[in-house]
Amino acid sequence: MRDISILKSNGFDIDSVFETFGEIEVYEEILTDFYNQAKERGLKIIECIKNGDLKNYAIIVHSIKGECLYLGINKLADMSYEQQLKAEENDMQFIKAHFNEYIEEFTRILNTIKKYYGK
């Protein structure tokens, strides 16, 4: 069995996750899917910012937000929601000012998942 404290100590709301999923195996399946899709999503959001494509940026960060809420990754969910709202408002200045912080948190979460799986 994997060390769940790795997730807990990195801000994953594991208690709410167990209420939703019941079993760790189900959670781990969805967490693995999130992790596997994350690199592509990260590249897409960077591309959207470079191209000034806030419409698609909002769609992608909205998707990240939903999955993070589902997985108990609340800080990244909150940050994704903020990015989504600002993209919908066409506030590129805000997005660019906070983009590095957002990507750092996104990367930190992926590294935590990687550590959890012993990769």
PDB file of N, CA and C in Angstrom:
ATOM      1  N   MET A   1       0.830  -1.190   0.000  1.00  0.00           N
ATOM      2  CA  MET A   1       0.000   0.000   0.000  1.00  0.00           C
ATOM      3  C   MET A   1       0.877   1.257   0.000  1.00  0.00           C
ATOM      4  N   ARG A   2       0.451   2.235  -0.766  1.00  0.00           N
ATOM      5  CA  ARG A   2       1.205   3.484  -0.865  1.00  0.00           C
ATOM      6  C   ARG A   2       1.014   4.329   0.387  1.00  0.00           C
ATOM      7  N   ASP A   3       1.941   5.268   0.585  1.00  0.00           N
ATOM      8  CA  ASP A   3       1.926   6.138   1.759  1.00  0.00           C
ATOM      9  C   ASP A   3       1.026   7.347   1.511  1.00  0.00           C
ATOM     10  N   ILE A   4      -0.195   7.281   1.996  1.00  0.00           N
ATOM     11  CA  ILE A   4      -1.199   8.325   1.783  1.00  0.00           C
ATOM     12  C   ILE A   4      -0.786   9.645   2.430  1.00  0.00           C
ATOM     13  N   SER A   5       0.121   9.589   3.412  1.00  0.00           N
ATOM     14  CA  SER A   5       0.565  10.818   4.075  1.00  0.00           C
ATOM     15  C   SER A   5       1.302  11.746   3.113  1.00  0.00           C
ATOM     16  N   ILE A   6       1.844  11.211   2.042  1.00  0.00           N
ATOM     17  CA  ILE A   6       2.490  12.042   1.021  1.00  0.00           C
ATOM     18  C   ILE A   6       1.465  13.000   0.426  1.00  0.00           C
ATOM     19  N   LEU A   7       0.285  12.503   0.155  1.00  0.00           N
ATOM     20  CA  LEU A   7      -0.767  13.350  -0.396  1.00  0.00           C
ATOM     21  C   LEU A   7      -1.293  14.311   0.666  1.00  0.00           C
ATOM     22  N   LYS A   8      -1.567  13.796   1.850  1.00  0.00           N
ATOM     23  CA  LYS A   8      -2.113  14.635   2.928  1.00  0.00           C
ATOM     24  C   LYS A   8      -1.189  15.793   3.258  1.00  0.00           C
ATOM     25  N   SER A   9       0.104  15.522   3.360  1.00  0.00           N
ATOM     26  CA  SER A   9       1.057  16.570   3.746  1.00  0.00           C
ATOM     27  C   SER A   9       1.267  17.600   2.643  1.00  0.00           C
ATOM     28  N   ASN A  10       0.758  17.324   1.466  1.00  0.00           N
ATOM     29  CA  ASN A  10       0.880  18.255   0.348  1.00  0.00           C
ATOM     30  C   ASN A  10      -0.456  18.889  -0.034  1.00  0.00           C
ATOM     31  N   GLY A  11      -1.392  18.882   0.919  1.00  0.00           N
ATOM     32  CA  GLY A  11      -2.624  19.633   0.748  1.00  0.00           C
ATOM     33  C   GLY A  11      -3.782  18.899   0.101  1.00  0.00           C
ATOM     34  N   PHE A  12      -3.647  17.611  -0.145  1.00  0.00           N
ATOM     35  CA  PHE A  12      -4.758  16.838  -0.702  1.00  0.00           C
ATOM     36  C   PHE A  12      -5.764  16.579   0.417  1.00  0.00           C
ATOM     37  N   ASP A  13      -7.034  16.876   0.175  1.00  0.00           N
ATOM     38  CA  ASP A  13      -8.087  16.674   1.167  1.00  0.00           C
ATOM     39  C   ASP A  13      -8.570  15.225   1.076  1.00  0.00           C
ATOM     40  N   ILE A  14      -7.788  14.351   1.650  1.00  0.00           N
ATOM     41  CA  ILE A  14      -8.033  12.915   1.538  1.00  0.00           C
ATOM     42  C   ILE A  14      -9.317  12.497   2.258  1.00  0.00           C
ATOM     43  N   ASP A  15      -9.650  13.170   3.349  1.00  0.00           N
ATOM     44  CA  ASP A  15     -10.866  12.807   4.080  1.00  0.00           C
ATOM     45  C   ASP A  15     -12.110  12.962   3.209  1.00  0.00           C
ATOM     46  N   SER A  16     -12.205  14.071   2.486  1.00  0.00           N
ATOM     47  CA  SER A  16     -13.373  14.267   1.613  1.00  0.00           C
ATOM     48  C   SER A  16     -13.344  13.294   0.439  1.00  0.00           C
ATOM     49  N   VAL A  17     -12.141  12.935   0.027  1.00  0.00           N
ATOM     50  CA  VAL A  17     -11.978  11.990  -1.081  1.00  0.00           C
ATOM     51  C   VAL A  17     -12.571  10.631  -0.710  1.00  0.00           C
ATOM     52  N   PHE A  18     -12.306  10.177   0.495  1.00  0.00           N
ATOM     53  CA  PHE A  18     -12.830   8.875   0.906  1.00  0.00           C
ATOM     54  C   PHE A  18     -14.344   8.895   1.032  1.00  0.00           C
ATOM     55  N   GLU A  19     -14.908  10.043   1.376  1.00  0.00           N
ATOM     56  CA  GLU A  19     -16.369  10.172   1.391  1.00  0.00           C
ATOM     57  C   GLU A  19     -16.929  10.000  -0.015  1.00  0.00           C
ATOM     58  N   THR A  20     -16.206  10.521  -1.007  1.00  0.00           N
ATOM     59  CA  THR A  20     -16.649  10.455  -2.398  1.00  0.00           C
ATOM     60  C   THR A  20     -16.393   9.088  -3.021  1.00  0.00           C
ATOM     61  N   PHE A  21     -15.175   8.580  -2.860  1.00  0.00           N
ATOM     62  CA  PHE A  21     -14.761   7.372  -3.571  1.00  0.00           C
ATOM     63  C   PHE A  21     -14.904   6.089  -2.771  1.00  0.00           C
ATOM     64  N   GLY A  22     -14.849   6.180  -1.455  1.00  0.00           N
ATOM     65  CA  GLY A  22     -14.976   4.991  -0.631  1.00  0.00           C
ATOM     66  C   GLY A  22     -13.707   4.174  -0.545  1.00  0.00           C
ATOM     67  N   GLU A  23     -13.125   3.841  -1.683  1.00  0.00           N
ATOM     68  CA  GLU A  23     -11.940   2.988  -1.704  1.00  0.00           C
ATOM     69  C   GLU A  23     -10.783   3.702  -2.385  1.00  0.00           C
ATOM     70  N   ILE A  24      -9.612   3.486  -1.846  1.00  0.00           N
ATOM     71  CA  ILE A  24      -8.404   4.133  -2.375  1.00  0.00           C
ATOM     72  C   ILE A  24      -8.122   3.707  -3.817  1.00  0.00           C
ATOM     73  N   GLU A  25      -8.465   2.482  -4.161  1.00  0.00           N
ATOM     74  CA  GLU A  25      -8.184   1.991  -5.515  1.00  0.00           C
ATOM     75  C   GLU A  25      -8.936   2.803  -6.585  1.00  0.00           C
ATOM     76  N   VAL A  26     -10.168   3.151  -6.282  1.00  0.00           N
ATOM     77  CA  VAL A  26     -10.971   3.955  -7.220  1.00  0.00           C
ATOM     78  C   VAL A  26     -10.351   5.342  -7.352  1.00  0.00           C
ATOM     79  N   TYR A  27      -9.989   5.925  -6.215  1.00  0.00           N
ATOM     80  CA  TYR A  27      -9.350   7.239  -6.209  1.00  0.00           C
ATOM     81  C   TYR A  27      -8.061   7.220  -7.029  1.00  0.00           C
ATOM     82  N   GLU A  28      -7.253   6.194  -6.812  1.00  0.00           N
ATOM     83  CA  GLU A  28      -5.965   6.105  -7.505  1.00  0.00           C
ATOM     84  C   GLU A  28      -6.131   5.988  -9.017  1.00  0.00           C
ATOM     85  N   GLU A  29      -7.176   5.325  -9.462  1.00  0.00           N
ATOM     86  CA  GLU A  29      -7.448   5.244 -10.905  1.00  0.00           C
ATOM     87  C   GLU A  29      -7.667   6.627 -11.500  1.00  0.00           C
ATOM     88  N   ILE A  30      -8.498   7.416 -10.834  1.00  0.00           N
ATOM     89  CA  ILE A  30      -8.824   8.749 -11.334  1.00  0.00           C
ATOM     90  C   ILE A  30      -7.627   9.682 -11.185  1.00  0.00           C
ATOM     91  N   LEU A  31      -6.877   9.542 -10.099  1.00  0.00           N
ATOM     92  CA  LEU A  31      -5.667  10.331  -9.892  1.00  0.00           C
ATOM     93  C   LEU A  31      -4.638  10.031 -10.982  1.00  0.00           C
ATOM     94  N   THR A  32      -4.522   8.769 -11.355  1.00  0.00           N
ATOM     95  CA  THR A  32      -3.607   8.385 -12.431  1.00  0.00           C
ATOM     96  C   THR A  32      -4.033   9.001 -13.754  1.00  0.00           C
ATOM     97  N   ASP A  33      -5.325   8.987 -14.045  1.00  0.00           N
ATOM     98  CA  ASP A  33      -5.824   9.619 -15.279  1.00  0.00           C
ATOM     99  C   ASP A  33      -5.505  11.112 -15.283  1.00  0.00           C
ATOM    100  N   PHE A  34      -5.737  11.775 -14.152  1.00  0.00           N
ATOM    101  CA  PHE A  34      -5.429  13.203 -14.038  1.00  0.00           C
ATOM    102  C   PHE A  34      -3.948  13.437 -14.327  1.00  0.00           C
ATOM    103  N   TYR A  35      -3.100  12.644 -13.701  1.00  0.00           N
ATOM    104  CA  TYR A  35      -1.645  12.776 -13.881  1.00  0.00           C
ATOM    105  C   TYR A  35      -1.240  12.552 -15.342  1.00  0.00           C
ATOM    106  N   ASN A  36      -1.799  11.535 -15.955  1.00  0.00           N
ATOM    107  CA  ASN A  36      -1.438  11.210 -17.335  1.00  0.00           C
ATOM    108  C   ASN A  36      -1.862  12.291 -18.330  1.00  0.00           C
ATOM    109  N   GLN A  37      -2.939  12.994 -18.045  1.00  0.00           N
ATOM    110  CA  GLN A  37      -3.421  14.058 -18.928  1.00  0.00           C
ATOM    111  C   GLN A  37      -2.770  15.405 -18.634  1.00  0.00           C
ATOM    112  N   ALA A  38      -2.127  15.520 -17.497  1.00  0.00           N
ATOM    113  CA  ALA A  38      -1.638  16.807 -17.021  1.00  0.00           C
ATOM    114  C   ALA A  38      -0.557  17.418 -17.913  1.00  0.00           C
ATOM    115  N   LYS A  39       0.363  16.624 -18.404  1.00  0.00           N
ATOM    116  CA  LYS A  39       1.440  17.184 -19.218  1.00  0.00           C
ATOM    117  C   LYS A  39       0.863  17.851 -20.472  1.00  0.00           C
ATOM    118  N   GLU A  40      -0.048  17.162 -21.136  1.00  0.00           N
ATOM    119  CA  GLU A  40      -0.679  17.711 -22.330  1.00  0.00           C
ATOM    120  C   GLU A  40      -1.449  18.994 -22.001  1.00  0.00           C
ATOM    121  N   ARG A  41      -2.164  18.976 -20.905  1.00  0.00           N
ATOM    122  CA  ARG A  41      -2.917  20.170 -20.492  1.00  0.00           C
ATOM    123  C   ARG A  41      -1.984  21.330 -20.190  1.00  0.00           C
ATOM    124  N   GLY A  42      -0.892  21.034 -19.505  1.00  0.00           N
ATOM    125  CA  GLY A  42       0.093  22.071 -19.189  1.00  0.00           C
ATOM    126  C   GLY A  42       0.634  22.717 -20.453  1.00  0.00           C
ATOM    127  N   LEU A  43       0.946  21.898 -21.439  1.00  0.00           N
ATOM    128  CA  LEU A  43       1.440  22.430 -22.715  1.00  0.00           C
ATOM    129  C   LEU A  43       0.372  23.259 -23.418  1.00  0.00           C
ATOM    130  N   LYS A  44      -0.872  22.809 -23.340  1.00  0.00           N
ATOM    131  CA  LYS A  44      -1.972  23.538 -23.987  1.00  0.00           C
ATOM    132  C   LYS A  44      -2.204  24.898 -23.352  1.00  0.00           C
ATOM    133  N   ILE A  45      -2.160  24.968 -22.023  1.00  0.00           N
ATOM    134  CA  ILE A  45      -2.408  26.266 -21.402  1.00  0.00           C
ATOM    135  C   ILE A  45      -1.273  27.238 -21.679  1.00  0.00           C
ATOM    136  N   ILE A  46      -0.056  26.740 -21.752  1.00  0.00           N
ATOM    137  CA  ILE A  46       1.073  27.604 -22.113  1.00  0.00           C
ATOM    138  C   ILE A  46       0.896  28.124 -23.534  1.00  0.00           C
ATOM    139  N   GLU A  47       0.490  27.247 -24.433  1.00  0.00           N
ATOM    140  CA  GLU A  47       0.241  27.639 -25.825  1.00  0.00           C
ATOM    141  C   GLU A  47      -0.880  28.676 -25.906  1.00  0.00           C
ATOM    142  N   CYS A  48      -1.936  28.478 -25.141  1.00  0.00           N
ATOM    143  CA  CYS A  48      -3.052  29.439 -25.124  1.00  0.00           C
ATOM    144  C   CYS A  48      -2.577  30.817 -24.687  1.00  0.00           C
ATOM    145  N   ILE A  49      -1.739  30.864 -23.669  1.00  0.00           N
ATOM    146  CA  ILE A  49      -1.235  32.147 -23.183  1.00  0.00           C
ATOM    147  C   ILE A  49      -0.371  32.808 -24.253  1.00  0.00           C
ATOM    148  N   LYS A  50       0.494  32.034 -24.868  1.00  0.00           N
ATOM    149  CA  LYS A  50       1.358  32.585 -25.924  1.00  0.00           C
ATOM    150  C   LYS A  50       0.544  33.155 -27.072  1.00  0.00           C
ATOM    151  N   ASN A  51      -0.572  32.496 -27.391  1.00  0.00           N
ATOM    152  CA  ASN A  51      -1.402  32.919 -28.526  1.00  0.00           C
ATOM    153  C   ASN A  51      -2.523  33.877 -28.131  1.00  0.00           C
ATOM    154  N   GLY A  52      -2.610  34.200 -26.841  1.00  0.00           N
ATOM    155  CA  GLY A  52      -3.680  35.084 -26.384  1.00  0.00           C
ATOM    156  C   GLY A  52      -5.067  34.468 -26.503  1.00  0.00           C
ATOM    157  N   ASP A  53      -5.133  33.142 -26.482  1.00  0.00           N
ATOM    158  CA  ASP A  53      -6.389  32.404 -26.650  1.00  0.00           C
ATOM    159  C   ASP A  53      -7.045  32.169 -25.296  1.00  0.00           C
ATOM    160  N   LEU A  54      -7.684  33.201 -24.774  1.00  0.00           N
ATOM    161  CA  LEU A  54      -8.278  33.093 -23.444  1.00  0.00           C
ATOM    162  C   LEU A  54      -9.533  32.233 -23.427  1.00  0.00           C
ATOM    163  N   LYS A  55     -10.195  32.094 -24.554  1.00  0.00           N
ATOM    164  CA  LYS A  55     -11.394  31.250 -24.605  1.00  0.00           C
ATOM    165  C   LYS A  55     -11.033  29.797 -24.306  1.00  0.00           C
ATOM    166  N   ASN A  56     -10.054  29.256 -25.018  1.00  0.00           N
ATOM    167  CA  ASN A  56      -9.644  27.871 -24.781  1.00  0.00           C
ATOM    168  C   ASN A  56      -8.901  27.713 -23.456  1.00  0.00           C
ATOM    169  N   TYR A  57      -8.186  28.742 -23.056  1.00  0.00           N
ATOM    170  CA  TYR A  57      -7.517  28.724 -21.757  1.00  0.00           C
ATOM    171  C   TYR A  57      -8.557  28.533 -20.648  1.00  0.00           C
ATOM    172  N   ALA A  58      -9.642  29.304 -20.728  1.00  0.00           N
ATOM    173  CA  ALA A  58     -10.707  29.206 -19.727  1.00  0.00           C
ATOM    174  C   ALA A  58     -11.306  27.801 -19.698  1.00  0.00           C
ATOM    175  N   ILE A  59     -11.479  27.204 -20.859  1.00  0.00           N
ATOM    176  CA  ILE A  59     -12.048  25.851 -20.942  1.00  0.00           C
ATOM    177  C   ILE A  59     -11.121  24.836 -20.267  1.00  0.00           C
ATOM    178  N   ILE A  60      -9.838  24.946 -20.545  1.00  0.00           N
ATOM    179  CA  ILE A  60      -8.880  23.973 -19.991  1.00  0.00           C
ATOM    180  C   ILE A  60      -8.746  24.134 -18.475  1.00  0.00           C
ATOM    181  N   VAL A  61      -8.597  25.381 -17.995  1.00  0.00           N
ATOM    182  CA  VAL A  61      -8.441  25.554 -16.542  1.00  0.00           C
ATOM    183  C   VAL A  61      -9.742  25.221 -15.804  1.00  0.00           C
ATOM    184  N   HIS A  62     -10.881  25.399 -16.476  1.00  0.00           N
ATOM    185  CA  HIS A  62     -12.160  24.972 -15.891  1.00  0.00           C
ATOM    186  C   HIS A  62     -12.150  23.453 -15.684  1.00  0.00           C
ATOM    187  N   SER A  63     -11.658  22.727 -16.652  1.00  0.00           N
ATOM    188  CA  SER A  63     -11.570  21.275 -16.567  1.00  0.00           C
ATOM    189  C   SER A  63     -10.624  20.850 -15.437  1.00  0.00           C
ATOM    190  N   ILE A  64      -9.481  21.527 -15.345  1.00  0.00           N
ATOM    191  CA  ILE A  64      -8.522  21.241 -14.270  1.00  0.00           C
ATOM    192  C   ILE A  64      -9.179  21.501 -12.919  1.00  0.00           C
ATOM    193  N   LYS A  65      -9.906  22.616 -12.819  1.00  0.00           N
ATOM    194  CA  LYS A  65     -10.594  22.977 -11.574  1.00  0.00           C
ATOM    195  C   LYS A  65     -11.542  21.859 -11.145  1.00  0.00           C
ATOM    196  N   GLY A  66     -12.363  21.401 -12.067  1.00  0.00           N
ATOM    197  CA  GLY A  66     -13.345  20.363 -11.740  1.00  0.00           C
ATOM    198  C   GLY A  66     -12.701  19.076 -11.264  1.00  0.00           C
ATOM    199  N   GLU A  67     -11.671  18.656 -11.948  1.00  0.00           N
ATOM    200  CA  GLU A  67     -10.997  17.424 -11.550  1.00  0.00           C
ATOM    201  C   GLU A  67     -10.300  17.578 -10.205  1.00  0.00           C
ATOM    202  N   CYS A  68      -9.696  18.743  -9.991  1.00  0.00           N
ATOM    203  CA  CYS A  68      -9.018  18.971  -8.712  1.00  0.00           C
ATOM    204  C   CYS A  68     -10.006  18.967  -7.556  1.00  0.00           C
ATOM    205  N   LEU A  69     -11.158  19.572  -7.733  1.00  0.00           N
ATOM    206  CA  LEU A  69     -12.184  19.541  -6.682  1.00  0.00           C
ATOM    207  C   LEU A  69     -12.588  18.101  -6.383  1.00  0.00           C
ATOM    208  N   TYR A  70     -12.773  17.332  -7.419  1.00  0.00           N
ATOM    209  CA  TYR A  70     -13.170  15.935  -7.307  1.00  0.00           C
ATOM    210  C   TYR A  70     -12.101  15.112  -6.578  1.00  0.00           C
ATOM    211  N   LEU A  71     -10.824  15.474  -6.804  1.00  0.00           N
ATOM    212  CA  LEU A  71      -9.702  14.714  -6.257  1.00  0.00           C
ATOM    213  C   LEU A  71      -9.193  15.262  -4.924  1.00  0.00           C
ATOM    214  N   GLY A  72      -9.813  16.323  -4.425  1.00  0.00           N
ATOM    215  CA  GLY A  72      -9.377  16.888  -3.148  1.00  0.00           C
ATOM    216  C   GLY A  72      -8.128  17.740  -3.243  1.00  0.00           C
ATOM    217  N   ILE A  73      -7.846  18.275  -4.413  1.00  0.00           N
ATOM    218  CA  ILE A  73      -6.673  19.129  -4.630  1.00  0.00           C
ATOM    219  C   ILE A  73      -7.185  20.577  -4.640  1.00  0.00           C
ATOM    220  N   ASN A  74      -7.534  21.045  -3.458  1.00  0.00           N
ATOM    221  CA  ASN A  74      -8.315  22.275  -3.337  1.00  0.00           C
ATOM    222  C   ASN A  74      -7.567  23.556  -3.709  1.00  0.00           C
ATOM    223  N   LYS A  75      -6.305  23.655  -3.347  1.00  0.00           N
ATOM    224  CA  LYS A  75      -5.574  24.893  -3.670  1.00  0.00           C
ATOM    225  C   LYS A  75      -5.480  25.085  -5.175  1.00  0.00           C
ATOM    226  N   LEU A  76      -5.121  24.033  -5.889  1.00  0.00           N
ATOM    227  CA  LEU A  76      -5.023  24.135  -7.346  1.00  0.00           C
ATOM    228  C   LEU A  76      -6.404  24.359  -7.954  1.00  0.00           C
ATOM    229  N   ALA A  77      -7.430  23.784  -7.363  1.00  0.00           N
ATOM    230  CA  ALA A  77      -8.798  24.016  -7.844  1.00  0.00           C
ATOM    231  C   ALA A  77      -9.156  25.491  -7.709  1.00  0.00           C
ATOM    232  N   ASP A  78      -8.833  26.076  -6.558  1.00  0.00           N
ATOM    233  CA  ASP A  78      -9.119  27.498  -6.340  1.00  0.00           C
ATOM    234  C   ASP A  78      -8.345  28.378  -7.314  1.00  0.00           C
ATOM    235  N   MET A  79      -7.091  28.061  -7.509  1.00  0.00           N
ATOM    236  CA  MET A  79      -6.268  28.842  -8.437  1.00  0.00           C
ATOM    237  C   MET A  79      -6.789  28.701  -9.865  1.00  0.00           C
ATOM    238  N   SER A  80      -7.212  27.508 -10.225  1.00  0.00           N
ATOM    239  CA  SER A  80      -7.756  27.261 -11.565  1.00  0.00           C
ATOM    240  C   SER A  80      -9.036  28.058 -11.768  1.00  0.00           C
ATOM    241  N   TYR A  81      -9.854  28.104 -10.739  1.00  0.00           N
ATOM    242  CA  TYR A  81     -11.115  28.855 -10.818  1.00  0.00           C
ATOM    243  C   TYR A  81     -10.827  30.346 -11.017  1.00  0.00           C
ATOM    244  N   GLU A  82      -9.878  30.853 -10.277  1.00  0.00           N
ATOM    245  CA  GLU A  82      -9.496  32.262 -10.418  1.00  0.00           C
ATOM    246  C   GLU A  82      -8.989  32.546 -11.832  1.00  0.00           C
ATOM    247  N   GLN A  83      -8.161  31.648 -12.344  1.00  0.00           N
ATOM    248  CA  GLN A  83      -7.647  31.806 -13.710  1.00  0.00           C
ATOM    249  C   GLN A  83      -8.793  31.746 -14.724  1.00  0.00           C
ATOM    250  N   GLN A  84      -9.725  30.842 -14.494  1.00  0.00           N
ATOM    251  CA  GLN A  84     -10.880  30.712 -15.385  1.00  0.00           C
ATOM    252  C   GLN A  84     -11.689  32.008 -15.422  1.00  0.00           C
ATOM    253  N   LEU A  85     -12.002  32.536 -14.248  1.00  0.00           N
ATOM    254  CA  LEU A  85     -12.795  33.764 -14.179  1.00  0.00           C
ATOM    255  C   LEU A  85     -12.092  34.917 -14.883  1.00  0.00           C
ATOM    256  N   LYS A  86     -10.801  35.058 -14.645  1.00  0.00           N
ATOM    257  CA  LYS A  86     -10.046  36.151 -15.266  1.00  0.00           C
ATOM    258  C   LYS A  86      -9.949  35.958 -16.782  1.00  0.00           C
ATOM    259  N   ALA A  87      -9.860  34.724 -17.234  1.00  0.00           N
ATOM    260  CA  ALA A  87      -9.839  34.460 -18.676  1.00  0.00           C
ATOM    261  C   ALA A  87     -11.181  34.832 -19.293  1.00  0.00           C
ATOM    262  N   GLU A  88     -12.260  34.501 -18.607  1.00  0.00           N
ATOM    263  CA  GLU A  88     -13.601  34.842 -19.103  1.00  0.00           C
ATOM    264  C   GLU A  88     -13.827  36.356 -19.139  1.00  0.00           C
ATOM    265  N   GLU A  89     -13.090  37.076 -18.279  1.00  0.00           N
ATOM    266  CA  GLU A  89     -13.164  38.542 -18.257  1.00  0.00           C
ATOM    267  C   GLU A  89     -12.149  39.179 -19.210  1.00  0.00           C
ATOM    268  N   ASN A  90     -11.395  38.337 -19.931  1.00  0.00           N
ATOM    269  CA  ASN A  90     -10.328  38.792 -20.830  1.00  0.00           C
ATOM    270  C   ASN A  90      -9.256  39.602 -20.106  1.00  0.00           C
ATOM    271  N   ASP A  91      -8.961  39.220 -18.873  1.00  0.00           N
ATOM    272  CA  ASP A  91      -7.972  39.921 -18.060  1.00  0.00           C
ATOM    273  C   ASP A  91      -6.601  39.253 -18.212  1.00  0.00           C
ATOM    274  N   MET A  92      -5.996  39.448 -19.364  1.00  0.00           N
ATOM    275  CA  MET A  92      -4.698  38.844 -19.646  1.00  0.00           C
ATOM    276  C   MET A  92      -3.627  39.368 -18.695  1.00  0.00           C
ATOM    277  N   GLN A  93      -3.757  40.608 -18.278  1.00  0.00           N
ATOM    278  CA  GLN A  93      -2.768  41.187 -17.364  1.00  0.00           C
ATOM    279  C   GLN A  93      -2.723  40.391 -16.060  1.00  0.00           C
ATOM    280  N   PHE A  94      -3.887  40.093 -15.490  1.00  0.00           N
ATOM    281  CA  PHE A  94      -3.942  39.306 -14.258  1.00  0.00           C
ATOM    282  C   PHE A  94      -3.385  37.904 -14.494  1.00  0.00           C
ATOM    283  N   ILE A  95      -3.804  37.286 -15.574  1.00  0.00           N
ATOM    284  CA  ILE A  95      -3.370  35.916 -15.864  1.00  0.00           C
ATOM    285  C   ILE A  95      -1.850  35.848 -15.985  1.00  0.00           C
ATOM    286  N   LYS A  96      -1.281  36.753 -16.736  1.00  0.00           N
ATOM    287  CA  LYS A  96       0.180  36.750 -16.893  1.00  0.00           C
ATOM    288  C   LYS A  96       0.885  37.052 -15.576  1.00  0.00           C
ATOM    289  N   ALA A  97       0.310  37.948 -14.769  1.00  0.00           N
ATOM    290  CA  ALA A  97       0.925  38.302 -13.489  1.00  0.00           C
ATOM    291  C   ALA A  97       0.938  37.122 -12.516  1.00  0.00           C
ATOM    292  N   HIS A  98      -0.017  36.209 -12.644  1.00  0.00           N
ATOM    293  CA  HIS A  98      -0.134  35.072 -11.716  1.00  0.00           C
ATOM    294  C   HIS A  98       0.143  33.717 -12.367  1.00  0.00           C
ATOM    295  N   PHE A  99       0.538  33.733 -13.626  1.00  0.00           N
ATOM    296  CA  PHE A  99       0.702  32.483 -14.367  1.00  0.00           C
ATOM    297  C   PHE A  99       1.830  31.620 -13.803  1.00  0.00           C
ATOM    298  N   ASN A 100       2.964  32.237 -13.481  1.00  0.00           N
ATOM    299  CA  ASN A 100       4.081  31.440 -12.950  1.00  0.00           C
ATOM    300  C   ASN A 100       3.708  30.761 -11.644  1.00  0.00           C
ATOM    301  N   GLU A 101       2.996  31.478 -10.787  1.00  0.00           N
ATOM    302  CA  GLU A 101       2.535  30.916  -9.521  1.00  0.00           C
ATOM    303  C   GLU A 101       1.583  29.735  -9.776  1.00  0.00           C
ATOM    304  N   TYR A 102       0.722  29.899 -10.753  1.00  0.00           N
ATOM    305  CA  TYR A 102      -0.226  28.836 -11.108  1.00  0.00           C
ATOM    306  C   TYR A 102       0.509  27.594 -11.619  1.00  0.00           C
ATOM    307  N   ILE A 103       1.437  27.806 -12.530  1.00  0.00           N
ATOM    308  CA  ILE A 103       2.199  26.684 -13.097  1.00  0.00           C
ATOM    309  C   ILE A 103       3.056  26.010 -12.026  1.00  0.00           C
ATOM    310  N   GLU A 104       3.602  26.788 -11.106  1.00  0.00           N
ATOM    311  CA  GLU A 104       4.393  26.198 -10.016  1.00  0.00           C
ATOM    312  C   GLU A 104       3.535  25.283  -9.149  1.00  0.00           C
ATOM    313  N   GLU A 105       2.321  25.709  -8.840  1.00  0.00           N
ATOM    314  CA  GLU A 105       1.423  24.869  -8.038  1.00  0.00           C
ATOM    315  C   GLU A 105       0.999  23.628  -8.820  1.00  0.00           C
ATOM    316  N   PHE A 106       0.703  23.804 -10.088  1.00  0.00           N
ATOM    317  CA  PHE A 106       0.350  22.691 -10.966  1.00  0.00           C
ATOM    318  C   PHE A 106       1.484  21.663 -10.980  1.00  0.00           C
ATOM    319  N   THR A 107       2.705  22.142 -11.138  1.00  0.00           N
ATOM    320  CA  THR A 107       3.887  21.272 -11.167  1.00  0.00           C
ATOM    321  C   THR A 107       4.109  20.601  -9.813  1.00  0.00           C
ATOM    322  N   ARG A 108       3.925  21.357  -8.735  1.00  0.00           N
ATOM    323  CA  ARG A 108       4.090  20.790  -7.393  1.00  0.00           C
ATOM    324  C   ARG A 108       3.117  19.630  -7.165  1.00  0.00           C
ATOM    325  N   ILE A 109       1.893  19.803  -7.606  1.00  0.00           N
ATOM    326  CA  ILE A 109       0.887  18.747  -7.465  1.00  0.00           C
ATOM    327  C   ILE A 109       1.299  17.514  -8.273  1.00  0.00           C
ATOM    328  N   LEU A 110       1.747  17.728  -9.491  1.00  0.00           N
ATOM    329  CA  LEU A 110       2.176  16.585 -10.312  1.00  0.00           C
ATOM    330  C   LEU A 110       3.368  15.872  -9.682  1.00  0.00           C
ATOM    331  N   ASN A 111       4.305  16.625  -9.131  1.00  0.00           N
ATOM    332  CA  ASN A 111       5.461  16.015  -8.467  1.00  0.00           C
ATOM    333  C   ASN A 111       5.031  15.239  -7.223  1.00  0.00           C
ATOM    334  N   THR A 112       4.023  15.742  -6.517  1.00  0.00           N
ATOM    335  CA  THR A 112       3.491  15.027  -5.356  1.00  0.00           C
ATOM    336  C   THR A 112       2.873  13.698  -5.780  1.00  0.00           C
ATOM    337  N   ILE A 113       2.101  13.723  -6.852  1.00  0.00           N
ATOM    338  CA  ILE A 113       1.488  12.489  -7.356  1.00  0.00           C
ATOM    339  C   ILE A 113       2.575  11.508  -7.780  1.00  0.00           C
ATOM    340  N   LYS A 114       3.572  12.023  -8.461  1.00  0.00           N
ATOM    341  CA  LYS A 114       4.698  11.190  -8.901  1.00  0.00           C
ATOM    342  C   LYS A 114       5.384  10.536  -7.698  1.00  0.00           C
ATOM    343  N   LYS A 115       5.618  11.324  -6.662  1.00  0.00           N
ATOM    344  CA  LYS A 115       6.247  10.803  -5.441  1.00  0.00           C
ATOM    345  C   LYS A 115       5.347   9.742  -4.795  1.00  0.00           C
ATOM    346  N   TYR A 116       4.059   9.998  -4.764  1.00  0.00           N
ATOM    347  CA  TYR A 116       3.104   9.058  -4.183  1.00  0.00           C
ATOM    348  C   TYR A 116       3.186   7.692  -4.866  1.00  0.00           C
ATOM    349  N   TYR A 117       3.339   7.717  -6.173  1.00  0.00           N
ATOM    350  CA  TYR A 117       3.440   6.465  -6.926  1.00  0.00           C
ATOM    351  C   TYR A 117       4.849   5.908  -6.978  1.00  0.00           C
ATOM    352  N   GLY A 118       5.791   6.588  -6.365  1.00  0.00           N
ATOM    353  CA  GLY A 118       7.172   6.097  -6.295  1.00  0.00           C
ATOM    354  C   GLY A 118       7.894   6.164  -7.626  1.00  0.00           C
ATOM    355  N   LYS A 119       7.539   7.155  -8.421  1.00  0.00           N
ATOM    356  CA  LYS A 119       8.174   7.293  -9.753  1.00  0.00           C
ATOM    357  C   LYS A 119       9.346   8.236  -9.692  1.00  0.00           C
TER     358      LYS A 119
END
